[in-house]
């Protein structure tokens, strides 16, 4: 599948025909990414206290108010280090008619191959009650995500599953200064958009000079304790 040529957006640009590009999304996206980050930090605190034992490629599933949650701890030792890390944030508007078994299997396949990419430190997924899904991937270096994007499983998820499963997606790239073990919030540096409801697929990239961040507040500042 040939990738669509991306449109280049400025920090404040919005495209009326593609509402996924509204800049108002940044506040809620950052709040949710920080919420998922706090889940990871809660697990790290529990591990340091000796309340839980974390191991490589550990999958933790639970529900909050009947909505699915999943955290995959790929490299607990690195998650406990004070060091800058990179992040990928995924937000998708899922189609009501999406083939759920196909979408779920794609996610399981992606999770299974994390062990092949040692730069990936963790993966978090949350189901929202408005049909949206969000994921947070924490990794060590920018090159880690490029290597992962080149995998056959990831290419299948992008080329075949995503257009079938979602009206559109936005993917943020950014960083967490001092890492998961620190106290800083997520910083977004770039956002990529795909609108699958038009033919050909519409694709755009927005760079954010200096980064986009917010301080967590309200529900986003308090994690739901994962099961132990």
C-alpha atoms as a PDB file:
ATOM      1  CA  UNK A   1       0.000   0.000   0.000  1.00  0.00           C
ATOM      2  CA  UNK A   2       1.433   3.414  -0.996  1.00  0.00           C
ATOM      3  CA  UNK A   3       1.456   5.862   1.883  1.00  0.00           C
ATOM      4  CA  UNK A   4      -0.425   9.109   1.219  1.00  0.00           C
ATOM      5  CA  UNK A   5       1.725  12.237   0.916  1.00  0.00           C
ATOM      6  CA  UNK A   6       1.319  14.103   4.226  1.00  0.00           C
ATOM      7  CA  UNK A   7       0.041  17.664   4.435  1.00  0.00           C
ATOM      8  CA  UNK A   8       2.196  19.866   6.676  1.00  0.00           C
ATOM      9  CA  UNK A   9       0.381  21.714   9.468  1.00  0.00           C
ATOM     10  CA  UNK A  10       1.609  24.553  11.633  1.00  0.00           C
ATOM     11  CA  UNK A  11       1.213  24.449  15.430  1.00  0.00           C
ATOM     12  CA  UNK A  12      -2.206  26.155  15.306  1.00  0.00           C
ATOM     13  CA  UNK A  13      -3.520  24.982  11.934  1.00  0.00           C
ATOM     14  CA  UNK A  14      -6.888  23.219  11.762  1.00  0.00           C
ATOM     15  CA  UNK A  15      -8.474  21.696   8.645  1.00  0.00           C
ATOM     16  CA  UNK A  16     -12.249  22.127   8.645  1.00  0.00           C
ATOM     17  CA  UNK A  17     -12.924  19.034   6.525  1.00  0.00           C
ATOM     18  CA  UNK A  18     -10.839  16.904   8.903  1.00  0.00           C
ATOM     19  CA  UNK A  19     -12.049  17.575  12.468  1.00  0.00           C
ATOM     20  CA  UNK A  20      -9.452  15.168  13.825  1.00  0.00           C
ATOM     21  CA  UNK A  21      -6.988  18.058  13.416  1.00  0.00           C
ATOM     22  CA  UNK A  22      -8.669  20.348  15.950  1.00  0.00           C
ATOM     23  CA  UNK A  23      -6.047  21.643  18.362  1.00  0.00           C
ATOM     24  CA  UNK A  24      -8.563  21.378  21.208  1.00  0.00           C
ATOM     25  CA  UNK A  25      -7.671  17.660  21.289  1.00  0.00           C
ATOM     26  CA  UNK A  26      -4.288  18.399  22.824  1.00  0.00           C
ATOM     27  CA  UNK A  27      -5.627  19.186  26.280  1.00  0.00           C
ATOM     28  CA  UNK A  28      -7.667  15.980  26.583  1.00  0.00           C
ATOM     29  CA  UNK A  29      -5.001  13.833  24.869  1.00  0.00           C
ATOM     30  CA  UNK A  30      -2.290  15.067  27.216  1.00  0.00           C
ATOM     31  CA  UNK A  31      -4.535  14.553  30.248  1.00  0.00           C
ATOM     32  CA  UNK A  32      -5.158  10.943  29.218  1.00  0.00           C
ATOM     33  CA  UNK A  33      -1.498  10.232  28.424  1.00  0.00           C
ATOM     34  CA  UNK A  34      -0.557  11.612  31.832  1.00  0.00           C
ATOM     35  CA  UNK A  35      -3.255   9.423  33.385  1.00  0.00           C
ATOM     36  CA  UNK A  36      -1.717   6.341  31.755  1.00  0.00           C
ATOM     37  CA  UNK A  37       1.708   7.540  32.851  1.00  0.00           C
ATOM     38  CA  UNK A  38       0.468   7.737  36.439  1.00  0.00           C
ATOM     39  CA  UNK A  39      -0.686   4.109  36.196  1.00  0.00           C
ATOM     40  CA  UNK A  40       2.889   3.157  35.300  1.00  0.00           C
ATOM     41  CA  UNK A  41       4.246   5.247  38.145  1.00  0.00           C
ATOM     42  CA  UNK A  42       1.867   3.555  40.574  1.00  0.00           C
ATOM     43  CA  UNK A  43       3.240   0.162  39.505  1.00  0.00           C
ATOM     44  CA  UNK A  44       6.819   1.399  39.906  1.00  0.00           C
ATOM     45  CA  UNK A  45       6.054   2.639  43.428  1.00  0.00           C
ATOM     46  CA  UNK A  46       4.446  -0.688  44.315  1.00  0.00           C
ATOM     47  CA  UNK A  47       7.469  -2.581  42.986  1.00  0.00           C
ATOM     48  CA  UNK A  48       9.898  -0.421  44.948  1.00  0.00           C
ATOM     49  CA  UNK A  49       7.896  -1.052  48.122  1.00  0.00           C
ATOM     50  CA  UNK A  50       8.010  -4.769  47.437  1.00  0.00           C
ATOM     51  CA  UNK A  51       4.235  -4.990  47.071  1.00  0.00           C
ATOM     52  CA  UNK A  52       4.484  -6.406  43.534  1.00  0.00           C
ATOM     53  CA  UNK A  53       7.128  -8.102  41.439  1.00  0.00           C
ATOM     54  CA  UNK A  54       7.419  -6.881  37.874  1.00  0.00           C
ATOM     55  CA  UNK A  55       9.071  -8.956  35.168  1.00  0.00           C
ATOM     56  CA  UNK A  56       9.873  -8.594  31.486  1.00  0.00           C
ATOM     57  CA  UNK A  57       6.938  -8.812  29.070  1.00  0.00           C
ATOM     58  CA  UNK A  58       4.380  -8.916  31.914  1.00  0.00           C
ATOM     59  CA  UNK A  59       0.788  -8.299  30.759  1.00  0.00           C
ATOM     60  CA  UNK A  60      -1.681  -6.843  33.270  1.00  0.00           C
ATOM     61  CA  UNK A  61      -5.392  -6.623  32.364  1.00  0.00           C
ATOM     62  CA  UNK A  62      -8.171  -5.028  34.387  1.00  0.00           C
ATOM     63  CA  UNK A  63     -11.317  -2.916  34.034  1.00  0.00           C
ATOM     64  CA  UNK A  64     -12.378   0.500  35.278  1.00  0.00           C
ATOM     65  CA  UNK A  65     -16.157   1.092  35.236  1.00  0.00           C
ATOM     66  CA  UNK A  66     -16.531  -1.803  32.794  1.00  0.00           C
ATOM     67  CA  UNK A  67     -13.990  -0.390  30.318  1.00  0.00           C
ATOM     68  CA  UNK A  68     -10.919  -2.408  29.375  1.00  0.00           C
ATOM     69  CA  UNK A  69      -7.424  -1.462  30.539  1.00  0.00           C
ATOM     70  CA  UNK A  70      -4.129  -3.153  29.711  1.00  0.00           C
ATOM     71  CA  UNK A  71      -0.514  -2.493  30.714  1.00  0.00           C
ATOM     72  CA  UNK A  72       2.453  -4.417  29.346  1.00  0.00           C
ATOM     73  CA  UNK A  73       5.671  -4.060  31.336  1.00  0.00           C
ATOM     74  CA  UNK A  74       8.422  -4.837  28.828  1.00  0.00           C
ATOM     75  CA  UNK A  75      11.521  -3.655  30.719  1.00  0.00           C
ATOM     76  CA  UNK A  76      10.847  -2.929  34.408  1.00  0.00           C
ATOM     77  CA  UNK A  77      14.504  -2.230  35.220  1.00  0.00           C
ATOM     78  CA  UNK A  78      14.694   0.623  32.710  1.00  0.00           C
ATOM     79  CA  UNK A  79      11.314   1.972  33.764  1.00  0.00           C
ATOM     80  CA  UNK A  80      12.792   2.491  37.246  1.00  0.00           C
ATOM     81  CA  UNK A  81      15.706   4.602  35.969  1.00  0.00           C
ATOM     82  CA  UNK A  82      15.759   8.396  36.113  1.00  0.00           C
ATOM     83  CA  UNK A  83      16.474   9.106  32.451  1.00  0.00           C
ATOM     84  CA  UNK A  84      14.666  10.866  29.612  1.00  0.00           C
ATOM     85  CA  UNK A  85      12.471   8.552  27.526  1.00  0.00           C
ATOM     86  CA  UNK A  86      10.420   8.812  24.340  1.00  0.00           C
ATOM     87  CA  UNK A  87       6.688   8.239  23.943  1.00  0.00           C
ATOM     88  CA  UNK A  88       4.133   7.379  21.290  1.00  0.00           C
ATOM     89  CA  UNK A  89       0.500   8.259  21.995  1.00  0.00           C
ATOM     90  CA  UNK A  90      -2.235   6.713  19.851  1.00  0.00           C
ATOM     91  CA  UNK A  91      -5.852   7.926  19.702  1.00  0.00           C
ATOM     92  CA  UNK A  92      -8.374   6.208  17.442  1.00  0.00           C
ATOM     93  CA  UNK A  93     -12.072   6.826  16.724  1.00  0.00           C
ATOM     94  CA  UNK A  94     -13.243   3.239  16.313  1.00  0.00           C
ATOM     95  CA  UNK A  95     -15.975   2.331  13.830  1.00  0.00           C
ATOM     96  CA  UNK A  96     -19.090   0.786  15.348  1.00  0.00           C
ATOM     97  CA  UNK A  97     -18.940  -1.961  12.717  1.00  0.00           C
ATOM     98  CA  UNK A  98     -15.252  -2.745  13.260  1.00  0.00           C
ATOM     99  CA  UNK A  99     -14.419  -6.458  13.359  1.00  0.00           C
ATOM    100  CA  UNK A 100     -13.501  -6.738  17.053  1.00  0.00           C
ATOM    101  CA  UNK A 101     -11.741 -10.149  16.855  1.00  0.00           C
ATOM    102  CA  UNK A 102      -9.506  -8.861  14.043  1.00  0.00           C
ATOM    103  CA  UNK A 103      -8.673  -5.667  15.959  1.00  0.00           C
ATOM    104  CA  UNK A 104      -7.999  -7.573  19.188  1.00  0.00           C
ATOM    105  CA  UNK A 105      -5.784 -10.105  17.419  1.00  0.00           C
ATOM    106  CA  UNK A 106      -3.788  -7.293  15.838  1.00  0.00           C
ATOM    107  CA  UNK A 107      -3.141  -5.820  19.288  1.00  0.00           C
ATOM    108  CA  UNK A 108      -2.149  -9.231  20.684  1.00  0.00           C
ATOM    109  CA  UNK A 109       0.260  -9.713  17.765  1.00  0.00           C
ATOM    110  CA  UNK A 110       1.817  -6.305  18.422  1.00  0.00           C
ATOM    111  CA  UNK A 111       2.225  -7.118  22.110  1.00  0.00           C
ATOM    112  CA  UNK A 112       3.785 -10.502  21.341  1.00  0.00           C
ATOM    113  CA  UNK A 113       6.532  -8.920  19.262  1.00  0.00           C
ATOM    114  CA  UNK A 114       7.610  -6.320  21.839  1.00  0.00           C
ATOM    115  CA  UNK A 115      10.293  -8.749  23.029  1.00  0.00           C
ATOM    116  CA  UNK A 116      11.936  -8.382  19.609  1.00  0.00           C
ATOM    117  CA  UNK A 117      12.387  -4.645  20.174  1.00  0.00           C
ATOM    118  CA  UNK A 118      14.304  -4.143  23.452  1.00  0.00           C
ATOM    119  CA  UNK A 119      13.996  -0.359  23.271  1.00  0.00           C
ATOM    120  CA  UNK A 120      10.256  -0.613  24.034  1.00  0.00           C
ATOM    121  CA  UNK A 121       9.824  -0.297  27.785  1.00  0.00           C
ATOM    122  CA  UNK A 122       6.038  -0.403  28.251  1.00  0.00           C
ATOM    123  CA  UNK A 123       2.668  -0.331  26.510  1.00  0.00           C
ATOM    124  CA  UNK A 124      -0.588   0.942  28.005  1.00  0.00           C
ATOM    125  CA  UNK A 125      -4.077   0.764  26.496  1.00  0.00           C
ATOM    126  CA  UNK A 126      -7.404   2.218  27.630  1.00  0.00           C
ATOM    127  CA  UNK A 127     -10.950   1.921  26.259  1.00  0.00           C
ATOM    128  CA  UNK A 128     -13.044   5.075  26.483  1.00  0.00           C
ATOM    129  CA  UNK A 129     -16.820   5.203  26.640  1.00  0.00           C
ATOM    130  CA  UNK A 130     -17.238   7.309  23.482  1.00  0.00           C
ATOM    131  CA  UNK A 131     -15.796   4.744  21.085  1.00  0.00           C
ATOM    132  CA  UNK A 132     -12.262   6.055  21.333  1.00  0.00           C
ATOM    133  CA  UNK A 133      -9.218   4.004  22.234  1.00  0.00           C
ATOM    134  CA  UNK A 134      -5.896   5.357  23.441  1.00  0.00           C
ATOM    135  CA  UNK A 135      -2.452   3.772  23.776  1.00  0.00           C
ATOM    136  CA  UNK A 136       0.801   4.940  25.319  1.00  0.00           C
ATOM    137  CA  UNK A 137       4.119   3.373  24.323  1.00  0.00           C
ATOM    138  CA  UNK A 138       7.249   4.326  26.285  1.00  0.00           C
ATOM    139  CA  UNK A 139      10.577   3.649  24.610  1.00  0.00           C
ATOM    140  CA  UNK A 140      14.220   4.601  25.014  1.00  0.00           C
ATOM    141  CA  UNK A 141      15.366   6.277  21.768  1.00  0.00           C
ATOM    142  CA  UNK A 142      13.602   7.787  18.712  1.00  0.00           C
ATOM    143  CA  UNK A 143      15.121   5.032  16.545  1.00  0.00           C
ATOM    144  CA  UNK A 144      13.251   2.405  18.588  1.00  0.00           C
ATOM    145  CA  UNK A 145       9.880   3.385  17.152  1.00  0.00           C
ATOM    146  CA  UNK A 146      11.270   3.508  13.614  1.00  0.00           C
ATOM    147  CA  UNK A 147      12.540  -0.067  13.968  1.00  0.00           C
ATOM    148  CA  UNK A 148       9.162  -1.185  15.360  1.00  0.00           C
ATOM    149  CA  UNK A 149       7.259   0.581  12.566  1.00  0.00           C
ATOM    150  CA  UNK A 150       9.207  -1.491  10.053  1.00  0.00           C
ATOM    151  CA  UNK A 151       7.994  -4.816  11.408  1.00  0.00           C
ATOM    152  CA  UNK A 152       5.561  -6.889   9.352  1.00  0.00           C
ATOM    153  CA  UNK A 153       3.059  -6.985  12.217  1.00  0.00           C
ATOM    154  CA  UNK A 154       3.109  -3.212  12.651  1.00  0.00           C
ATOM    155  CA  UNK A 155       2.785  -2.612   8.908  1.00  0.00           C
ATOM    156  CA  UNK A 156      -0.260  -4.900   8.813  1.00  0.00           C
ATOM    157  CA  UNK A 157      -1.819  -2.972  11.703  1.00  0.00           C
ATOM    158  CA  UNK A 158      -1.287   0.317   9.864  1.00  0.00           C
ATOM    159  CA  UNK A 159      -2.148  -0.737   6.309  1.00  0.00           C
ATOM    160  CA  UNK A 160      -4.974  -3.240   6.830  1.00  0.00           C
ATOM    161  CA  UNK A 161      -6.428  -3.073  10.326  1.00  0.00           C
ATOM    162  CA  UNK A 162      -6.473   0.669  11.065  1.00  0.00           C
ATOM    163  CA  UNK A 163      -8.518   1.734   7.987  1.00  0.00           C
ATOM    164  CA  UNK A 164     -11.015  -1.049   8.711  1.00  0.00           C
ATOM    165  CA  UNK A 165     -11.247  -0.334  12.428  1.00  0.00           C
ATOM    166  CA  UNK A 166     -11.118   3.472  12.707  1.00  0.00           C
ATOM    167  CA  UNK A 167     -12.665   6.565  11.153  1.00  0.00           C
ATOM    168  CA  UNK A 168      -9.386   8.308  11.877  1.00  0.00           C
ATOM    169  CA  UNK A 169      -6.359   8.236  14.144  1.00  0.00           C
ATOM    170  CA  UNK A 170      -3.852  10.694  15.515  1.00  0.00           C
ATOM    171  CA  UNK A 171      -0.441   9.633  16.762  1.00  0.00           C
ATOM    172  CA  UNK A 172       1.709  11.824  18.974  1.00  0.00           C
ATOM    173  CA  UNK A 173       5.472  11.549  19.344  1.00  0.00           C
ATOM    174  CA  UNK A 174       7.140  13.144  22.327  1.00  0.00           C
ATOM    175  CA  UNK A 175       9.147  12.580  25.483  1.00  0.00           C
ATOM    176  CA  UNK A 176       9.004  12.317  29.257  1.00  0.00           C
ATOM    177  CA  UNK A 177      11.867  14.189  30.890  1.00  0.00           C
ATOM    178  CA  UNK A 178      13.484  12.089  33.671  1.00  0.00           C
ATOM    179  CA  UNK A 179      11.378   9.114  32.527  1.00  0.00           C
ATOM    180  CA  UNK A 180       8.608   7.144  34.177  1.00  0.00           C
ATOM    181  CA  UNK A 181      10.494   7.092  37.472  1.00  0.00           C
ATOM    182  CA  UNK A 182      10.577  10.898  37.538  1.00  0.00           C
ATOM    183  CA  UNK A 183       7.777  13.391  38.126  1.00  0.00           C
ATOM    184  CA  UNK A 184       7.560  15.275  34.820  1.00  0.00           C
ATOM    185  CA  UNK A 185       4.503  15.139  32.551  1.00  0.00           C
ATOM    186  CA  UNK A 186       4.362  14.122  28.895  1.00  0.00           C
ATOM    187  CA  UNK A 187       5.670  16.546  26.268  1.00  0.00           C
ATOM    188  CA  UNK A 188       4.306  16.251  22.706  1.00  0.00           C
ATOM    189  CA  UNK A 189       6.621  17.260  19.858  1.00  0.00           C
ATOM    190  CA  UNK A 190       4.852  16.032  16.720  1.00  0.00           C
ATOM    191  CA  UNK A 191       1.402  14.746  15.720  1.00  0.00           C
ATOM    192  CA  UNK A 192       0.484  12.625  12.698  1.00  0.00           C
ATOM    193  CA  UNK A 193      -3.094  12.360  11.438  1.00  0.00           C
ATOM    194  CA  UNK A 194      -4.888   9.824   9.240  1.00  0.00           C
ATOM    195  CA  UNK A 195      -8.492  10.300   8.072  1.00  0.00           C
ATOM    196  CA  UNK A 196      -9.785   6.982   6.685  1.00  0.00           C
ATOM    197  CA  UNK A 197     -13.266   8.264   5.815  1.00  0.00           C
ATOM    198  CA  UNK A 198     -12.050   9.881   2.591  1.00  0.00           C
ATOM    199  CA  UNK A 199     -10.517   8.378  -0.535  1.00  0.00           C
ATOM    200  CA  UNK A 200      -7.600   8.454  -0.805  1.00  0.00           C
ATOM    201  CA  UNK A 201      -6.705   8.448   2.883  1.00  0.00           C
ATOM    202  CA  UNK A 202      -5.886  11.950   4.116  1.00  0.00           C
ATOM    203  CA  UNK A 203      -2.624  12.253   6.051  1.00  0.00           C
ATOM    204  CA  UNK A 204      -1.022  15.229   7.801  1.00  0.00           C
ATOM    205  CA  UNK A 205       1.880  15.995  10.132  1.00  0.00           C
ATOM    206  CA  UNK A 206       2.076  18.791  12.691  1.00  0.00           C
ATOM    207  CA  UNK A 207       5.317  19.761  14.423  1.00  0.00           C
ATOM    208  CA  UNK A 208       5.201  21.514  17.786  1.00  0.00           C
ATOM    209  CA  UNK A 209       8.328  23.645  18.310  1.00  0.00           C
ATOM    210  CA  UNK A 210       9.135  23.676  22.002  1.00  0.00           C
ATOM    211  CA  UNK A 211       6.625  20.913  22.721  1.00  0.00           C
ATOM    212  CA  UNK A 212       3.070  20.813  24.062  1.00  0.00           C
ATOM    213  CA  UNK A 213       2.445  19.893  27.695  1.00  0.00           C
ATOM    214  CA  UNK A 214       0.048  20.462  30.574  1.00  0.00           C
ATOM    215  CA  UNK A 215       0.163  19.871  34.284  1.00  0.00           C
ATOM    216  CA  UNK A 216      -2.126  16.971  35.267  1.00  0.00           C
ATOM    217  CA  UNK A 217      -5.243  17.962  37.167  1.00  0.00           C
ATOM    218  CA  UNK A 218      -8.547  16.401  38.169  1.00  0.00           C
ATOM    219  CA  UNK A 219      -9.091  12.722  37.280  1.00  0.00           C
ATOM    220  CA  UNK A 220      -5.984  12.644  35.093  1.00  0.00           C
ATOM    221  CA  UNK A 221      -3.739  13.296  38.075  1.00  0.00           C
ATOM    222  CA  UNK A 222      -4.835  10.234  40.034  1.00  0.00           C
ATOM    223  CA  UNK A 223      -4.234   6.735  38.652  1.00  0.00           C
ATOM    224  CA  UNK A 224      -6.524   3.769  39.049  1.00  0.00           C
ATOM    225  CA  UNK A 225      -4.403   1.213  40.863  1.00  0.00           C
ATOM    226  CA  UNK A 226      -3.753  -1.749  38.540  1.00  0.00           C
ATOM    227  CA  UNK A 227      -4.511  -5.134  40.087  1.00  0.00           C
ATOM    228  CA  UNK A 228      -1.641  -6.872  41.857  1.00  0.00           C
END
